[in-house]
N, C-alpha and C. Protein backbone atom coordinates (compact mmCIF):
# COMPACT_ATOMS: atom_id res chain seq x y z
N MET A 1 0.77 -1.15 -0.09
CA MET A 1 0.11 -0.03 -0.02
C MET A 1 0.81 1.23 -0.03
N THR A 2 0.44 2.29 -0.71
CA THR A 2 1.17 3.51 -0.76
C THR A 2 0.79 4.42 0.42
N ASP A 3 1.65 5.36 0.63
CA ASP A 3 1.22 6.46 1.70
C ASP A 3 0.00 7.07 1.47
N THR A 4 -0.23 7.46 0.14
CA THR A 4 -1.45 8.05 -0.25
C THR A 4 -2.65 7.23 0.22
N TYR A 5 -2.59 5.88 -0.09
CA TYR A 5 -3.68 5.02 0.37
C TYR A 5 -4.00 5.01 1.73
N LEU A 6 -2.80 4.92 2.46
CA LEU A 6 -3.08 5.03 3.90
C LEU A 6 -3.52 6.29 4.43
N THR A 7 -3.16 7.39 3.79
CA THR A 7 -3.58 8.79 4.21
C THR A 7 -5.14 8.81 3.95
N ARG A 8 -5.52 8.28 2.75
CA ARG A 8 -7.02 8.46 2.50
C ARG A 8 -7.87 7.42 3.33
N GLN A 9 -7.24 6.51 3.72
CA GLN A 9 -8.13 5.43 4.55
C GLN A 9 -8.32 6.10 5.94
N THR A 10 -7.43 6.93 6.40
CA THR A 10 -7.62 7.55 7.64
C THR A 10 -8.14 9.00 7.49
N LEU A 11 -8.49 9.39 6.46
CA LEU A 11 -9.08 10.79 6.20
C LEU A 11 -10.16 11.09 7.18
N LEU A 12 -11.17 10.35 7.25
CA LEU A 12 -12.36 10.60 8.17
C LEU A 12 -11.90 10.73 9.62
N LYS A 13 -10.92 9.94 10.02
CA LYS A 13 -10.39 10.02 11.31
C LYS A 13 -9.67 11.33 11.63
N LYS A 14 -8.91 11.77 10.52
CA LYS A 14 -8.10 12.98 10.63
C LYS A 14 -9.13 14.23 10.73
N LEU A 15 -10.14 14.15 9.90
CA LEU A 15 -11.14 15.10 9.90
C LEU A 15 -11.92 15.19 11.24
N LYS A 16 -12.09 14.18 11.73
CA LYS A 16 -12.89 14.08 12.99
C LYS A 16 -12.09 14.58 14.12
N ASN A 17 -10.73 14.42 14.13
CA ASN A 17 -9.97 14.61 15.27
C ASN A 17 -9.16 16.06 15.08
N SER A 18 -9.41 16.88 14.04
CA SER A 18 -8.57 18.08 13.84
C SER A 18 -9.26 19.07 12.82
N ASP A 19 -8.88 20.28 12.74
CA ASP A 19 -9.42 21.17 11.87
C ASP A 19 -8.35 21.33 10.68
N SER A 20 -7.74 20.34 10.28
CA SER A 20 -6.80 20.34 9.31
C SER A 20 -7.33 21.01 7.91
N GLU A 21 -6.84 22.05 7.52
CA GLU A 21 -7.43 22.60 6.21
C GLU A 21 -7.13 21.67 5.07
N SER A 22 -5.85 21.10 5.04
CA SER A 22 -5.51 20.22 3.95
C SER A 22 -6.37 19.01 3.96
N SER A 23 -6.81 18.41 5.11
CA SER A 23 -7.61 17.36 5.11
C SER A 23 -9.05 17.72 4.46
N TRP A 24 -9.60 18.86 4.85
CA TRP A 24 -10.93 19.28 4.25
C TRP A 24 -10.61 19.51 2.84
N GLU A 25 -9.65 20.03 2.31
CA GLU A 25 -9.39 20.24 0.88
C GLU A 25 -9.41 18.78 0.17
N GLU A 26 -8.76 17.76 0.89
CA GLU A 26 -8.80 16.48 0.23
C GLU A 26 -10.27 15.76 0.20
N PHE A 27 -10.94 16.08 1.30
CA PHE A 27 -12.28 15.45 1.38
C PHE A 27 -13.16 16.17 0.32
N TYR A 28 -13.01 17.40 0.26
CA TYR A 28 -13.75 18.25 -0.72
C TYR A 28 -13.42 17.77 -2.05
N ARG A 29 -12.30 17.50 -2.34
CA ARG A 29 -11.77 17.11 -3.82
C ARG A 29 -12.52 15.71 -4.12
N TYR A 30 -12.54 14.82 -3.05
CA TYR A 30 -12.92 13.49 -3.41
C TYR A 30 -14.50 13.45 -3.42
N TYR A 31 -15.24 14.27 -2.67
CA TYR A 31 -16.76 14.09 -2.64
C TYR A 31 -17.62 15.12 -3.15
N LYS A 32 -16.94 16.28 -3.55
CA LYS A 32 -17.98 17.34 -3.94
C LYS A 32 -18.58 16.96 -5.20
N LYS A 33 -18.09 16.24 -6.19
CA LYS A 33 -18.76 16.02 -7.40
C LYS A 33 -19.93 15.06 -7.04
N PHE A 34 -19.78 14.13 -6.18
CA PHE A 34 -20.70 13.08 -5.78
C PHE A 34 -22.00 13.89 -5.18
N ILE A 35 -21.66 14.74 -4.16
CA ILE A 35 -22.71 15.44 -3.54
C ILE A 35 -23.38 16.43 -4.56
N TYR A 36 -22.66 16.93 -5.28
CA TYR A 36 -23.22 17.84 -6.41
C TYR A 36 -24.14 16.94 -7.41
N SER A 37 -23.91 15.86 -7.87
CA SER A 37 -24.60 15.06 -8.66
C SER A 37 -25.97 14.58 -7.86
N ILE A 38 -25.97 14.39 -6.67
CA ILE A 38 -27.26 14.10 -5.89
C ILE A 38 -28.16 15.22 -5.84
N ILE A 39 -27.57 16.34 -5.54
CA ILE A 39 -28.37 17.74 -5.46
C ILE A 39 -29.03 17.80 -6.84
N ILE A 40 -28.30 17.66 -7.84
CA ILE A 40 -28.88 17.85 -9.29
C ILE A 40 -30.09 16.84 -9.45
N LYS A 41 -29.75 15.55 -9.13
CA LYS A 41 -30.81 14.54 -9.28
C LYS A 41 -31.98 14.70 -8.45
N MET A 42 -31.98 15.63 -7.42
CA MET A 42 -33.04 15.85 -6.66
C MET A 42 -33.74 17.00 -7.13
N GLY A 43 -33.45 17.66 -8.36
CA GLY A 43 -34.30 18.60 -9.02
C GLY A 43 -33.93 20.05 -8.66
N VAL A 44 -32.84 20.25 -8.04
CA VAL A 44 -32.41 21.62 -7.74
C VAL A 44 -31.89 22.31 -8.95
N ASN A 45 -32.14 23.57 -9.08
CA ASN A 45 -31.64 24.34 -10.31
C ASN A 45 -30.10 24.47 -10.03
N GLU A 46 -29.43 24.49 -11.23
CA GLU A 46 -27.88 24.40 -11.15
C GLU A 46 -27.50 25.66 -10.49
N SER A 47 -28.14 26.76 -10.50
CA SER A 47 -27.70 27.93 -9.75
C SER A 47 -27.69 27.97 -8.29
N ASP A 48 -28.39 26.92 -7.74
CA ASP A 48 -28.33 26.81 -6.33
C ASP A 48 -27.40 25.65 -5.84
N CYS A 49 -26.81 24.83 -6.78
CA CYS A 49 -26.21 23.63 -6.39
C CYS A 49 -24.84 23.93 -5.68
N ASP A 50 -24.17 25.03 -6.07
CA ASP A 50 -22.90 25.36 -5.41
C ASP A 50 -23.23 25.68 -3.95
N ASP A 51 -24.21 26.52 -3.77
CA ASP A 51 -24.64 27.04 -2.40
C ASP A 51 -24.92 25.63 -1.49
N LEU A 52 -25.82 24.76 -2.13
CA LEU A 52 -26.17 23.69 -1.30
C LEU A 52 -25.09 22.71 -1.07
N ALA A 53 -24.16 22.56 -2.00
CA ALA A 53 -22.95 21.67 -1.80
C ALA A 53 -22.19 22.24 -0.67
N GLN A 54 -22.10 23.66 -0.60
CA GLN A 54 -21.28 24.08 0.51
C GLN A 54 -21.99 23.98 1.83
N LYS A 55 -23.31 24.06 1.89
CA LYS A 55 -24.21 23.86 3.10
C LYS A 55 -24.08 22.43 3.54
N THR A 56 -24.03 21.54 2.56
CA THR A 56 -23.93 20.12 2.67
C THR A 56 -22.68 19.77 3.51
N LEU A 57 -21.55 20.34 2.78
CA LEU A 57 -20.14 20.10 3.43
C LEU A 57 -20.05 20.58 4.86
N LEU A 58 -20.79 21.87 5.05
CA LEU A 58 -20.72 22.37 6.43
C LEU A 58 -21.55 21.40 7.35
N LYS A 59 -22.54 20.73 7.04
CA LYS A 59 -23.34 19.91 7.84
C LYS A 59 -22.43 18.70 8.05
N ILE A 60 -21.74 18.15 7.11
CA ILE A 60 -20.82 17.14 7.16
C ILE A 60 -19.82 17.30 8.33
N TRP A 61 -19.26 18.53 8.13
CA TRP A 61 -18.06 18.90 9.11
C TRP A 61 -18.72 19.05 10.52
N GLN A 62 -19.98 19.45 10.74
CA GLN A 62 -20.55 19.56 12.03
C GLN A 62 -20.91 18.28 12.58
N ALA A 63 -21.22 17.27 11.61
CA ALA A 63 -21.67 16.01 12.15
C ALA A 63 -20.57 14.93 12.43
N LEU A 64 -19.40 15.25 11.72
CA LEU A 64 -18.29 14.16 11.90
C LEU A 64 -17.76 13.98 13.24
N PRO A 65 -17.70 14.92 14.16
CA PRO A 65 -17.24 14.61 15.59
C PRO A 65 -18.03 13.37 16.12
N ASN A 66 -19.36 13.35 15.71
CA ASN A 66 -20.23 12.33 16.45
C ASN A 66 -20.45 11.17 15.47
N PHE A 67 -19.78 11.05 14.34
CA PHE A 67 -19.87 9.95 13.29
C PHE A 67 -18.95 8.78 13.51
N ASP A 68 -19.38 7.72 13.61
CA ASP A 68 -18.53 6.47 13.81
C ASP A 68 -18.88 5.63 12.59
N TYR A 69 -17.80 5.52 11.65
CA TYR A 69 -17.87 4.90 10.51
C TYR A 69 -17.75 3.23 10.61
N ASN A 70 -18.87 2.58 10.27
CA ASN A 70 -18.64 1.14 10.35
C ASN A 70 -19.29 0.63 9.05
N GLN A 71 -18.53 0.10 8.17
CA GLN A 71 -18.86 -0.35 6.82
C GLN A 71 -19.92 -1.42 6.91
N LYS A 72 -19.89 -2.23 8.11
CA LYS A 72 -20.94 -3.35 8.22
C LYS A 72 -22.44 -2.68 8.29
N LYS A 73 -22.46 -1.47 8.80
CA LYS A 73 -23.78 -0.70 9.00
C LYS A 73 -24.16 -0.16 7.69
N GLY A 74 -23.23 0.09 6.65
CA GLY A 74 -23.62 0.74 5.41
C GLY A 74 -22.46 1.59 4.77
N TYR A 75 -22.56 1.84 3.59
CA TYR A 75 -21.53 2.64 3.01
C TYR A 75 -21.47 4.06 3.37
N PHE A 76 -20.20 4.64 3.37
CA PHE A 76 -20.12 5.87 3.74
C PHE A 76 -20.82 6.91 2.70
N ARG A 77 -21.04 6.44 1.55
CA ARG A 77 -21.66 7.32 0.54
C ARG A 77 -23.20 7.48 0.96
N ASN A 78 -23.70 6.34 1.59
CA ASN A 78 -25.13 6.43 2.01
C ASN A 78 -25.32 7.48 3.07
N TRP A 79 -24.37 7.78 3.95
CA TRP A 79 -24.35 8.88 5.00
C TRP A 79 -24.30 10.09 4.38
N LEU A 80 -23.35 10.19 3.35
CA LEU A 80 -23.19 11.48 2.47
C LEU A 80 -24.54 11.85 1.80
N TYR A 81 -25.18 10.87 1.19
CA TYR A 81 -26.51 10.99 0.54
C TYR A 81 -27.48 11.53 1.63
N THR A 82 -27.68 10.89 2.89
CA THR A 82 -28.67 11.32 3.68
C THR A 82 -28.51 12.73 4.14
N ILE A 83 -27.19 13.22 4.54
CA ILE A 83 -26.94 14.54 4.79
C ILE A 83 -27.36 15.51 3.61
N THR A 84 -26.92 15.04 2.53
CA THR A 84 -27.16 15.84 1.17
C THR A 84 -28.59 15.97 1.06
N ARG A 85 -29.41 15.00 0.99
CA ARG A 85 -30.88 14.87 0.93
C ARG A 85 -31.68 15.85 2.10
N ASN A 86 -31.20 15.72 3.22
CA ASN A 86 -31.74 16.51 4.29
C ASN A 86 -31.46 18.11 4.10
N THR A 87 -30.29 18.35 3.52
CA THR A 87 -29.97 19.64 3.27
C THR A 87 -30.78 20.21 2.14
N VAL A 88 -30.96 19.44 1.19
CA VAL A 88 -31.92 19.80 0.03
C VAL A 88 -33.40 20.05 0.45
N ILE A 89 -33.82 19.11 1.41
CA ILE A 89 -35.26 19.26 1.80
C ILE A 89 -35.20 20.61 2.58
N SER A 90 -34.36 20.87 3.47
CA SER A 90 -34.50 22.05 4.29
C SER A 90 -34.52 23.22 3.39
N PHE A 91 -33.51 23.31 2.38
CA PHE A 91 -33.59 24.43 1.38
C PHE A 91 -34.90 24.63 0.59
N ILE A 92 -35.59 23.57 0.15
CA ILE A 92 -36.65 23.60 -0.60
C ILE A 92 -37.75 24.19 0.20
N LYS A 93 -37.86 23.68 1.53
CA LYS A 93 -38.98 24.01 2.45
C LYS A 93 -38.77 25.50 2.77
N ALA A 94 -37.57 26.01 2.87
CA ALA A 94 -37.24 27.35 3.21
C ALA A 94 -37.36 28.43 2.12
N ASN A 95 -37.51 27.99 0.87
CA ASN A 95 -37.57 28.72 -0.26
C ASN A 95 -38.77 28.45 -1.13
N LYS A 96 -39.94 28.98 -0.79
CA LYS A 96 -41.17 28.84 -1.24
C LYS A 96 -41.18 29.25 -2.80
N ASN A 97 -40.30 29.95 -3.16
CA ASN A 97 -40.36 30.43 -4.56
C ASN A 97 -39.70 29.45 -5.44
N LEU A 98 -39.12 28.20 -5.02
CA LEU A 98 -38.73 27.32 -5.74
C LEU A 98 -39.85 26.15 -6.10
N LEU A 99 -40.86 26.49 -6.55
CA LEU A 99 -42.05 25.54 -6.79
C LEU A 99 -41.58 24.44 -7.86
N LYS A 100 -40.89 24.82 -8.82
CA LYS A 100 -40.45 23.79 -9.72
C LYS A 100 -39.62 22.70 -9.08
N SER A 101 -38.64 23.25 -8.22
CA SER A 101 -37.68 22.21 -7.57
C SER A 101 -38.52 21.50 -6.61
N ARG A 102 -39.45 22.11 -5.85
CA ARG A 102 -40.29 21.35 -4.94
C ARG A 102 -41.01 20.30 -5.67
N GLU A 103 -41.63 20.61 -6.62
CA GLU A 103 -42.39 19.64 -7.45
C GLU A 103 -41.48 18.56 -8.00
N GLU A 104 -40.25 18.89 -8.39
CA GLU A 104 -39.48 17.82 -8.94
C GLU A 104 -38.90 16.93 -7.78
N PHE A 105 -38.70 17.70 -6.61
CA PHE A 105 -38.06 16.94 -5.38
C PHE A 105 -39.30 15.86 -5.01
N LYS A 106 -40.53 16.41 -4.96
CA LYS A 106 -41.66 15.54 -4.44
C LYS A 106 -41.84 14.34 -5.37
N SER A 107 -41.67 14.64 -6.70
CA SER A 107 -41.75 13.58 -7.71
C SER A 107 -40.56 12.68 -7.45
N PHE A 108 -39.53 13.11 -7.11
CA PHE A 108 -38.35 12.29 -6.94
C PHE A 108 -38.60 11.36 -5.72
N SER A 109 -38.99 12.01 -4.62
CA SER A 109 -39.02 11.27 -3.42
C SER A 109 -40.31 10.35 -3.30
N ASP A 110 -41.44 10.82 -3.76
CA ASP A 110 -42.66 10.11 -3.86
C ASP A 110 -42.62 8.85 -4.78
N GLY A 111 -41.81 9.08 -5.90
CA GLY A 111 -41.81 8.22 -7.03
C GLY A 111 -40.87 7.13 -6.93
N HIS A 112 -39.95 7.10 -5.82
CA HIS A 112 -39.01 6.08 -5.67
C HIS A 112 -39.01 5.60 -4.26
N ASN A 113 -39.03 4.10 -4.18
CA ASN A 113 -38.96 3.51 -2.96
C ASN A 113 -37.49 3.34 -2.55
N LYS A 114 -37.22 2.85 -1.29
CA LYS A 114 -35.94 2.90 -0.77
C LYS A 114 -34.91 2.14 -1.68
N ALA A 115 -35.41 1.10 -2.19
CA ALA A 115 -34.57 0.18 -3.16
C ALA A 115 -34.18 0.94 -4.35
N GLU A 116 -35.03 1.63 -4.96
CA GLU A 116 -34.82 2.53 -6.13
C GLU A 116 -33.83 3.73 -5.72
N ILE A 117 -34.07 4.36 -4.64
CA ILE A 117 -33.15 5.47 -4.17
C ILE A 117 -31.63 4.89 -3.93
N ASN A 118 -31.51 3.67 -3.33
CA ASN A 118 -30.35 3.06 -3.21
C ASN A 118 -29.70 2.76 -4.57
N LYS A 119 -30.49 2.36 -5.57
CA LYS A 119 -29.89 2.14 -6.78
C LYS A 119 -29.43 3.45 -7.56
N ILE A 120 -30.11 4.49 -7.33
CA ILE A 120 -29.80 5.80 -7.85
C ILE A 120 -28.38 6.20 -7.22
N ILE A 121 -28.40 6.02 -5.85
CA ILE A 121 -27.14 6.46 -5.01
C ILE A 121 -26.05 5.58 -5.81
N HIS A 122 -26.24 4.31 -5.89
CA HIS A 122 -25.30 3.50 -6.45
C HIS A 122 -24.80 3.80 -7.85
N ASN A 123 -25.63 4.01 -8.64
CA ASN A 123 -25.49 4.50 -10.04
C ASN A 123 -24.60 5.88 -10.08
N GLU A 124 -25.01 6.74 -9.38
CA GLU A 124 -24.24 8.06 -9.22
C GLU A 124 -22.89 7.84 -8.66
N TRP A 125 -22.70 7.02 -7.70
CA TRP A 125 -21.39 6.73 -7.12
C TRP A 125 -20.48 6.08 -8.18
N GLU A 126 -21.02 5.03 -8.85
CA GLU A 126 -20.36 4.39 -9.76
C GLU A 126 -19.80 5.31 -10.91
N LYS A 127 -20.73 6.18 -11.27
CA LYS A 127 -20.39 7.15 -12.44
C LYS A 127 -19.33 8.13 -11.70
N TYR A 128 -19.42 8.45 -10.59
CA TYR A 128 -18.44 9.34 -9.94
C TYR A 128 -17.10 8.70 -9.90
N ILE A 129 -16.95 7.35 -9.43
CA ILE A 129 -15.73 6.65 -9.37
C ILE A 129 -15.11 6.41 -10.72
N SER A 130 -15.97 6.15 -11.56
CA SER A 130 -15.42 5.79 -13.01
C SER A 130 -14.78 7.10 -13.66
N GLU A 131 -15.52 8.25 -13.46
CA GLU A 131 -14.99 9.51 -13.86
C GLU A 131 -13.62 9.94 -13.28
N ARG A 132 -13.73 9.77 -11.93
CA ARG A 132 -12.46 10.02 -11.23
C ARG A 132 -11.34 9.15 -11.59
N ALA A 133 -11.47 7.88 -11.77
CA ALA A 133 -10.48 6.91 -12.13
C ALA A 133 -10.01 7.26 -13.59
N PHE A 134 -10.93 7.55 -14.56
CA PHE A 134 -10.37 7.93 -15.77
C PHE A 134 -9.66 9.14 -15.85
N ASN A 135 -9.99 10.10 -15.12
CA ASN A 135 -9.14 11.47 -15.13
C ASN A 135 -7.80 11.15 -14.38
N THR A 136 -7.77 10.41 -13.41
CA THR A 136 -6.50 10.06 -12.83
C THR A 136 -5.48 9.37 -13.75
N ILE A 137 -6.07 8.24 -14.45
CA ILE A 137 -5.12 7.48 -15.47
C ILE A 137 -4.71 8.29 -16.62
N LYS A 138 -5.54 9.26 -17.13
CA LYS A 138 -5.18 10.07 -18.07
C LYS A 138 -3.78 10.67 -17.93
N GLU A 139 -3.51 11.11 -16.85
CA GLU A 139 -2.30 11.70 -16.42
C GLU A 139 -1.02 10.69 -16.28
N LYS A 140 -1.40 9.43 -16.21
CA LYS A 140 -0.47 8.39 -16.13
C LYS A 140 -0.07 7.57 -17.38
N VAL A 141 -0.82 7.73 -18.38
CA VAL A 141 -0.54 7.05 -19.66
C VAL A 141 -0.12 8.07 -20.75
N SER A 142 0.44 7.41 -21.81
CA SER A 142 0.79 8.31 -22.94
C SER A 142 -0.50 8.83 -23.72
N ALA A 143 -0.34 9.86 -24.24
CA ALA A 143 -1.52 10.48 -25.15
C ALA A 143 -1.89 9.39 -26.18
N GLN A 144 -0.93 8.77 -26.69
CA GLN A 144 -1.29 7.77 -27.77
C GLN A 144 -1.96 6.54 -27.19
N ALA A 145 -1.48 6.10 -26.15
CA ALA A 145 -2.41 4.99 -25.40
C ALA A 145 -3.80 5.43 -25.17
N MET A 146 -3.92 6.53 -24.57
CA MET A 146 -5.27 7.04 -24.19
C MET A 146 -6.17 7.18 -25.54
N GLU A 147 -5.41 7.66 -26.56
CA GLU A 147 -6.19 7.81 -27.94
C GLU A 147 -6.74 6.45 -28.33
N CYS A 148 -5.86 5.37 -28.25
CA CYS A 148 -6.26 4.05 -28.62
C CYS A 148 -7.45 3.52 -27.79
N PHE A 149 -7.43 3.80 -26.56
CA PHE A 149 -8.41 3.32 -25.68
C PHE A 149 -9.66 4.08 -26.02
N GLN A 150 -9.70 5.49 -26.11
CA GLN A 150 -10.88 6.18 -26.45
C GLN A 150 -11.47 5.79 -27.83
N ALA A 151 -10.61 5.48 -28.74
CA ALA A 151 -11.00 5.01 -30.11
C ALA A 151 -11.81 3.76 -29.98
N SER A 152 -11.42 2.85 -28.93
CA SER A 152 -12.09 1.63 -28.88
C SER A 152 -13.48 1.94 -28.26
N LEU A 153 -13.61 2.95 -27.32
CA LEU A 153 -14.90 3.24 -26.74
C LEU A 153 -15.84 3.87 -27.74
N ARG A 154 -15.19 4.42 -28.71
CA ARG A 154 -16.01 4.95 -29.88
C ARG A 154 -16.43 3.94 -30.86
N ASN A 155 -16.00 2.68 -30.65
CA ASN A 155 -16.10 1.59 -31.64
C ASN A 155 -15.43 1.75 -32.94
N GLU A 156 -14.34 2.57 -33.04
CA GLU A 156 -13.54 2.78 -34.17
C GLU A 156 -12.82 1.40 -34.43
N PRO A 157 -12.92 1.04 -35.77
CA PRO A 157 -12.12 -0.17 -36.06
C PRO A 157 -10.73 0.02 -35.74
N VAL A 158 -9.96 -1.09 -35.31
CA VAL A 158 -8.64 -1.14 -34.99
C VAL A 158 -7.71 -0.75 -36.19
N ALA A 159 -8.08 -1.26 -37.25
CA ALA A 159 -7.37 -0.95 -38.58
C ALA A 159 -7.39 0.59 -38.95
N GLU A 160 -8.57 1.10 -38.61
CA GLU A 160 -8.75 2.54 -38.90
C GLU A 160 -7.88 3.30 -37.82
N THR A 161 -7.98 2.96 -36.58
CA THR A 161 -7.04 3.58 -35.52
C THR A 161 -5.58 3.45 -35.73
N ALA A 162 -5.18 2.41 -36.24
CA ALA A 162 -3.86 2.12 -36.43
C ALA A 162 -3.23 2.95 -37.67
N GLN A 163 -4.17 3.07 -38.78
CA GLN A 163 -3.76 3.93 -39.88
C GLN A 163 -3.79 5.42 -39.49
N ARG A 164 -4.69 5.81 -38.69
CA ARG A 164 -4.79 7.36 -38.18
C ARG A 164 -3.61 7.60 -37.42
N LEU A 165 -3.22 6.69 -36.54
CA LEU A 165 -2.26 7.03 -35.53
C LEU A 165 -0.81 6.61 -36.06
N GLY A 166 -0.72 5.76 -37.17
CA GLY A 166 0.45 5.50 -37.59
C GLY A 166 1.19 4.23 -36.83
N LEU A 167 0.35 3.35 -36.32
CA LEU A 167 0.82 2.25 -35.42
C LEU A 167 0.35 0.99 -36.06
N GLU A 168 1.01 -0.07 -35.49
CA GLU A 168 0.76 -1.39 -35.93
C GLU A 168 -0.57 -1.74 -35.17
N GLU A 169 -1.45 -2.65 -35.79
CA GLU A 169 -2.58 -2.96 -35.09
C GLU A 169 -2.41 -3.70 -33.69
N ASN A 170 -1.33 -4.49 -33.54
CA ASN A 170 -1.04 -5.12 -32.42
C ASN A 170 -0.85 -4.13 -31.24
N THR A 171 -0.12 -3.02 -31.73
CA THR A 171 0.19 -1.97 -30.70
C THR A 171 -1.08 -1.38 -30.19
N ILE A 172 -2.02 -1.30 -31.05
CA ILE A 172 -3.39 -0.62 -30.57
C ILE A 172 -4.06 -1.45 -29.50
N TYR A 173 -3.94 -2.77 -29.70
CA TYR A 173 -4.59 -3.70 -28.75
C TYR A 173 -3.71 -3.66 -27.48
N ILE A 174 -2.33 -3.58 -27.39
CA ILE A 174 -1.62 -3.51 -26.32
C ILE A 174 -1.94 -2.18 -25.51
N TYR A 175 -1.97 -0.99 -26.30
CA TYR A 175 -2.29 0.16 -25.53
C TYR A 175 -3.69 0.17 -24.96
N LYS A 176 -4.69 -0.40 -25.68
CA LYS A 176 -5.91 -0.33 -25.30
C LYS A 176 -6.03 -1.33 -23.93
N ASN A 177 -5.43 -2.26 -23.96
CA ASN A 177 -5.58 -3.22 -22.84
C ASN A 177 -4.74 -2.57 -21.58
N ARG A 178 -3.51 -2.00 -21.83
CA ARG A 178 -2.81 -1.39 -20.80
C ARG A 178 -3.61 -0.18 -20.07
N VAL A 179 -4.39 0.49 -20.78
CA VAL A 179 -5.23 1.54 -20.31
C VAL A 179 -6.37 0.95 -19.46
N LYS A 180 -6.99 -0.08 -20.04
CA LYS A 180 -8.08 -0.81 -19.45
C LYS A 180 -7.71 -1.29 -18.04
N GLN A 181 -6.52 -1.94 -18.10
CA GLN A 181 -6.07 -2.58 -16.77
C GLN A 181 -5.72 -1.51 -15.72
N LYS A 182 -5.18 -0.30 -16.18
CA LYS A 182 -4.89 0.68 -15.14
C LYS A 182 -6.32 1.30 -14.79
N LEU A 183 -7.23 1.40 -15.69
CA LEU A 183 -8.52 2.01 -15.25
C LEU A 183 -9.30 1.12 -14.28
N TYR A 184 -9.24 -0.31 -14.50
CA TYR A 184 -9.87 -1.21 -13.62
C TYR A 184 -9.13 -1.03 -12.31
N ALA A 185 -7.83 -0.99 -12.12
CA ALA A 185 -7.13 -1.02 -10.94
C ALA A 185 -7.40 0.28 -10.19
N GLU A 186 -7.48 1.41 -10.92
CA GLU A 186 -7.76 2.67 -10.35
C GLU A 186 -9.09 2.68 -9.70
N ILE A 187 -10.18 2.08 -10.46
CA ILE A 187 -11.56 2.03 -9.89
C ILE A 187 -11.55 1.19 -8.53
N ARG A 188 -10.91 0.04 -8.66
CA ARG A 188 -10.89 -0.77 -7.47
C ARG A 188 -10.29 -0.04 -6.30
N ASN A 189 -9.20 0.62 -6.50
CA ASN A 189 -8.42 1.41 -5.53
C ASN A 189 -9.36 2.40 -4.99
N LEU A 190 -10.01 3.17 -5.77
CA LEU A 190 -10.86 4.27 -5.21
C LEU A 190 -12.12 3.68 -4.43
N ARG A 191 -12.55 2.57 -4.92
CA ARG A 191 -13.67 1.90 -4.09
C ARG A 191 -13.40 1.60 -2.76
N GLU A 192 -12.09 1.01 -2.73
CA GLU A 192 -11.57 0.55 -1.36
C GLU A 192 -11.24 1.98 -0.39
N MET A 193 -10.88 2.95 -1.20
CA MET A 193 -10.48 4.16 -0.34
C MET A 193 -11.65 4.95 0.05
N LEU A 194 -12.70 5.10 -0.80
CA LEU A 194 -13.71 6.10 -0.71
C LEU A 194 -15.10 5.59 -0.27
N GLU A 195 -15.26 4.43 -0.24
CA GLU A 195 -16.62 3.75 0.14
C GLU A 195 -16.69 3.66 1.60
């Protein structure tokens, strides 16, 4: 395990026991986009999302001293979702002029049972983890390898990619598989660190 891995595994503990600005920046970097995506899913206008994300992070900061993480009781992302959801509910109740948001939220909360909401949380989390992993590995592989991988995602024929990039077809397969392996490894790593 790397030092970074160990640091991230203990991030919640560090946040709980100190007012470390760097720890909060790290937490913010990891979870803001997930929190933001839940706020959007709940029908909040984009113009209010930044404010709600900040309010959610403040509530998380206030709740952390009493929070005991136990993965057997559930994923950390579910706790984040609950705080985010409650923040959005309070916001919508306090702002009667947000009729569209209120209607969209009512539709979201009334139209989904707990299993469906858990599925939405899971899907948003998977999307978040995948995007984060993809952005991380983009910096770790060559531009040519990344282009081969992205061409495969676009279902571009290997022969066409090889001709366009001036590479052998075998090299295209090697690059594509190298990026795919790094992506899967990063996704596994992020799941272990952040869930």
